[in-house]
Amino acid sequence: MLATIVSENRSKIHSITTDTIVAVSTPPGMGGIGIVRLSGPEARRIADRIFTPSSSSNHWASHTLRHGYIVDPLSRQRLDEVLVSWMKAPQTYTREDIVEINCHGGHVPLQQILKLCLGEGASIADPGEFTKRAFLNGRIDLSQAEAVADMICAQTEAAASVAIAQLSGRLSDEIKALRQELLGILAHLEASLDFPEEELELHSGQSICIA
C-alpha cells in the first residue's frame, strides 16, 4: 500500500515539475571554476541559445565537454570562456536532460550566466530541488536522498564513509529485504485468518514477536 501511495504521489508531483530549473551549483565566493546547472526538457535549447562553441562542428554528443563562450543572445557580447556538458536523459542525476556550464568562479560571470538562463525561460531551483527530482523520477530513494545531504555535510572520513555506503544503496537493500520478509509473514497471517480450517502454520524458521 505504501509503495502504491509513494508511486502515485511521484506521478502527481512529476506532472507539475516539467519546467526547466537552473542554479549555481558551487559555493559562493571567488574560485577558479564555478558551475551553473540546468535540468529539464528545455536545458539543451537554452544552452544552444547562450553557448557558442569554439569549433565549427554542430555535433554535440551526450556526456562530453565542449569548449566555447557564453554569449548574450541579444547584444552578442561574450561574457565568459567556458566548458559546457550536455547530458541526455535518463542517464543523468535527475533523469532529465542536464546541462552544466563550467565557467570562471567569480560572482559576476556566474550571475550573468544565471541571468541569461532565467531570461531564456528557466526557473530558479529551490534548495535541494535537483535531488528532489532525482527522487521523484525514481533514480534514488529517500534514504539515498538523505545520504546526499550527509555526504555534503560530512566533516570526517568516517561520516563520509557512512554517507557513501548509504548513497550506494546499502541501507535501502537491507530495508527492502526486511520489507519482503514482513510481506511474506503478513501474507501467511492473512491466509491463516481467511482460511482457518486449513490450520496453516508459519514456515520453518519463521516466528512473530509482539512487543
Protein backbone atom coordinates (compact mmCIF):
# COMPACT_ATOMS: atom_id res chain seq x y z
CA MET A 1 0.00 0.00 0.00
CA LEU A 2 2.78 2.46 0.99
CA ALA A 3 4.66 1.75 -2.23
CA THR A 4 1.49 2.46 -4.21
CA ILE A 5 0.94 5.78 -2.39
CA VAL A 6 4.55 6.85 -2.99
CA SER A 7 4.28 5.88 -6.66
CA GLU A 8 1.02 7.83 -7.09
CA ASN A 9 2.45 10.89 -5.32
CA ARG A 10 5.52 10.75 -7.53
CA SER A 11 3.31 10.76 -10.62
CA LYS A 12 1.21 13.69 -9.37
CA ILE A 13 4.22 15.79 -8.38
CA HIS A 14 6.14 14.93 -11.55
CA SER A 15 3.24 16.16 -13.64
CA ILE A 16 3.74 19.68 -12.29
CA THR A 17 7.55 19.70 -12.30
CA THR A 18 8.13 19.65 -16.03
CA ASP A 19 9.75 23.09 -16.09
CA THR A 20 13.49 23.56 -16.51
CA ILE A 21 15.36 24.66 -13.40
CA VAL A 22 18.71 26.39 -13.02
CA ALA A 23 21.05 27.15 -10.12
CA VAL A 24 24.63 27.95 -9.30
CA SER A 25 25.90 24.58 -8.01
CA THR A 26 29.18 25.76 -6.48
CA PRO A 27 29.62 27.66 -3.18
CA PRO A 28 29.60 31.46 -3.25
CA GLY A 29 32.92 33.26 -3.32
CA MET A 30 35.87 33.55 -5.68
CA GLY A 31 37.31 30.41 -7.25
CA GLY A 32 38.91 29.06 -10.37
CA ILE A 33 35.74 27.29 -11.52
CA GLY A 34 32.05 27.84 -10.96
CA ILE A 35 29.19 25.68 -12.24
CA VAL A 36 25.74 26.69 -13.42
CA ARG A 37 23.47 23.67 -13.78
CA LEU A 38 20.25 23.30 -15.76
CA SER A 39 17.83 20.38 -15.53
CA GLY A 40 14.67 19.82 -17.53
CA PRO A 41 13.30 19.48 -21.05
CA GLU A 42 14.50 22.93 -22.15
CA ALA A 43 18.07 22.60 -20.87
CA ARG A 44 19.61 21.81 -24.26
CA ARG A 45 17.64 24.55 -26.05
CA ILE A 46 18.70 27.16 -23.50
CA ALA A 47 22.33 26.08 -23.81
CA ASP A 48 22.13 26.36 -27.60
CA ARG A 49 20.84 29.91 -27.22
CA ILE A 50 23.62 31.22 -24.97
CA PHE A 51 26.60 28.99 -25.84
CA THR A 52 28.80 29.41 -28.91
CA PRO A 53 31.28 26.54 -29.40
CA SER A 54 34.83 27.37 -30.40
CA SER A 55 34.80 24.67 -33.08
CA SER A 56 32.67 24.80 -36.19
CA SER A 57 31.22 21.35 -35.59
CA ASN A 58 27.50 21.26 -34.78
CA HIS A 59 27.75 17.77 -33.31
CA TRP A 60 27.14 17.70 -29.57
CA ALA A 61 27.49 14.24 -28.05
CA SER A 62 25.93 13.49 -24.68
CA HIS A 63 28.22 13.36 -21.63
CA THR A 64 31.09 15.21 -23.33
CA LEU A 65 32.64 18.62 -22.73
CA ARG A 66 32.68 21.35 -25.35
CA HIS A 67 34.84 24.44 -25.25
CA GLY A 68 33.37 27.80 -26.21
CA TYR A 69 31.90 31.04 -24.98
CA ILE A 70 28.78 32.25 -23.24
CA VAL A 71 27.30 34.94 -25.45
CA ASP A 72 24.39 37.23 -24.71
CA PRO A 73 21.88 36.34 -27.46
CA LEU A 74 20.65 39.95 -27.65
CA SER A 75 23.82 42.04 -27.52
CA ARG A 76 26.10 39.28 -28.87
CA GLN A 77 28.61 40.20 -26.18
CA ARG A 78 30.94 37.47 -24.95
CA LEU A 79 30.56 37.05 -21.20
CA ASP A 80 32.95 34.20 -20.39
CA GLU A 81 35.05 31.37 -21.78
CA VAL A 82 33.54 28.07 -20.65
CA LEU A 83 33.36 24.31 -20.88
CA VAL A 84 29.81 23.01 -21.31
CA SER A 85 28.48 19.47 -20.98
CA TRP A 86 25.07 18.24 -22.07
CA MET A 87 23.83 15.00 -20.54
CA LYS A 88 20.87 13.37 -22.17
CA ALA A 89 18.10 11.82 -20.06
CA PRO A 90 17.70 9.35 -18.49
CA GLN A 91 21.41 8.72 -17.78
CA THR A 92 21.69 11.77 -15.52
CA TYR A 93 21.42 12.67 -11.84
CA THR A 94 17.80 13.83 -12.17
CA ARG A 95 16.87 11.52 -15.07
CA GLU A 96 16.15 14.72 -17.01
CA ASP A 97 18.29 16.46 -19.60
CA ILE A 98 21.08 18.28 -17.76
CA VAL A 99 23.46 21.00 -18.90
CA GLU A 100 26.42 22.04 -16.77
CA ILE A 101 28.28 25.24 -17.60
CA ASN A 102 31.81 25.34 -16.17
CA CYS A 103 32.78 28.99 -16.08
CA HIS A 104 35.18 31.11 -14.06
CA GLY A 105 34.22 31.07 -10.40
CA GLY A 106 33.70 34.75 -9.71
CA HIS A 107 30.40 36.30 -8.69
CA VAL A 108 29.96 38.32 -11.90
CA PRO A 109 30.25 35.55 -14.54
CA LEU A 110 28.10 33.16 -12.50
CA GLN A 111 25.34 35.71 -12.04
CA GLN A 112 25.50 36.82 -15.67
CA ILE A 113 25.08 33.25 -16.90
CA LEU A 114 22.32 32.57 -14.37
CA LYS A 115 20.50 35.69 -15.55
CA LEU A 116 20.74 34.59 -19.20
CA CYS A 117 19.31 31.17 -18.35
CA LEU A 118 16.41 32.76 -16.48
CA GLY A 119 15.83 35.10 -19.41
CA GLU A 120 15.55 32.10 -21.72
CA GLY A 121 12.75 30.56 -19.66
CA ALA A 122 14.41 28.58 -16.86
CA SER A 123 13.15 28.83 -13.28
CA ILE A 124 15.45 29.25 -10.30
CA ALA A 125 15.84 25.95 -8.47
CA ASP A 126 14.75 25.64 -4.86
CA PRO A 127 17.36 24.37 -2.37
CA GLY A 128 17.76 20.63 -2.89
CA GLU A 129 15.49 20.55 -5.95
CA PHE A 130 17.92 18.61 -8.14
CA THR A 131 18.00 15.82 -5.56
CA LYS A 132 14.22 16.12 -5.13
CA ARG A 133 13.78 15.50 -8.86
CA ALA A 134 16.17 12.56 -8.70
CA PHE A 135 13.85 11.05 -6.07
CA LEU A 136 10.60 11.90 -7.87
CA ASN A 137 11.95 10.38 -11.08
CA GLY A 138 12.89 7.16 -9.29
CA ARG A 139 16.67 7.40 -9.54
CA ILE A 140 17.19 7.40 -5.76
CA ASP A 141 15.03 6.61 -2.75
CA LEU A 142 14.50 8.68 0.40
CA SER A 143 17.41 7.16 2.32
CA GLN A 144 19.75 7.90 -0.58
CA ALA A 145 18.42 11.46 -0.82
CA GLU A 146 19.26 11.92 2.86
CA ALA A 147 22.71 10.46 2.20
CA VAL A 148 23.39 13.21 -0.36
CA ALA A 149 22.93 15.84 2.36
CA ASP A 150 25.01 13.76 4.79
CA MET A 151 27.82 13.48 2.27
CA ILE A 152 27.86 17.23 1.64
CA CYS A 153 27.91 17.99 5.38
CA ALA A 154 30.41 15.27 6.37
CA GLN A 155 33.25 16.66 8.48
CA THR A 156 35.20 13.43 8.98
CA GLU A 157 36.26 10.48 6.87
CA ALA A 158 34.09 8.19 8.99
CA ALA A 159 30.99 10.32 8.35
CA ALA A 160 31.76 10.41 4.64
CA SER A 161 32.22 6.62 4.60
CA VAL A 162 28.81 6.07 6.21
CA ALA A 163 27.17 8.50 3.80
CA ILE A 164 28.67 6.92 0.68
CA ALA A 165 27.58 3.46 1.85
CA GLN A 166 24.02 4.74 2.32
CA LEU A 167 24.17 6.57 -1.01
CA SER A 168 25.22 3.36 -2.76
CA GLY A 169 22.02 1.72 -1.50
CA ARG A 170 23.29 -0.46 1.36
CA LEU A 171 20.61 0.73 3.81
CA SER A 172 17.96 0.60 1.08
CA ASP A 173 18.85 -3.02 0.30
CA GLU A 174 18.55 -4.00 3.96
CA ILE A 175 15.19 -2.25 4.25
CA LYS A 176 13.93 -3.94 1.09
CA ALA A 177 14.99 -7.37 2.39
CA LEU A 178 13.19 -6.76 5.70
CA ARG A 179 10.13 -5.49 3.85
CA GLN A 180 9.96 -8.61 1.70
CA GLU A 181 10.28 -10.81 4.78
CA LEU A 182 7.49 -8.91 6.56
CA LEU A 183 5.25 -9.08 3.50
CA GLY A 184 5.74 -12.84 3.40
CA ILE A 185 4.76 -13.17 7.06
CA LEU A 186 1.79 -10.84 6.55
CA ALA A 187 0.57 -12.86 3.58
CA HIS A 188 0.79 -16.05 5.61
CA LEU A 189 -1.10 -14.47 8.52
CA GLU A 190 -3.85 -13.19 6.23
CA ALA A 191 -4.19 -16.63 4.68
CA SER A 192 -4.43 -18.14 8.18
CA LEU A 193 -7.23 -15.72 9.09
CA ASP A 194 -9.11 -16.14 5.81
CA PHE A 195 -8.88 -19.94 5.82
CA PRO A 196 -8.75 -21.05 9.49
CA GLU A 197 -9.93 -24.53 8.56
CA GLU A 198 -6.65 -25.12 6.76
CA GLU A 199 -4.72 -24.76 10.06
CA LEU A 200 -1.81 -23.09 8.31
CA GLU A 201 1.43 -22.81 10.23
CA LEU A 202 4.36 -20.50 9.78
CA HIS A 203 7.12 -21.89 7.62
CA SER A 204 10.12 -23.38 9.33
CA GLY A 205 12.36 -20.66 10.76
CA GLN A 206 9.62 -18.02 10.84
CA SER A 207 8.41 -16.52 14.07
CA ILE A 208 6.50 -13.45 15.15
CA CYS A 209 7.40 -11.35 18.14
CA ILE A 210 4.86 -8.87 19.52
CA ALA A 211 6.32 -6.26 21.87
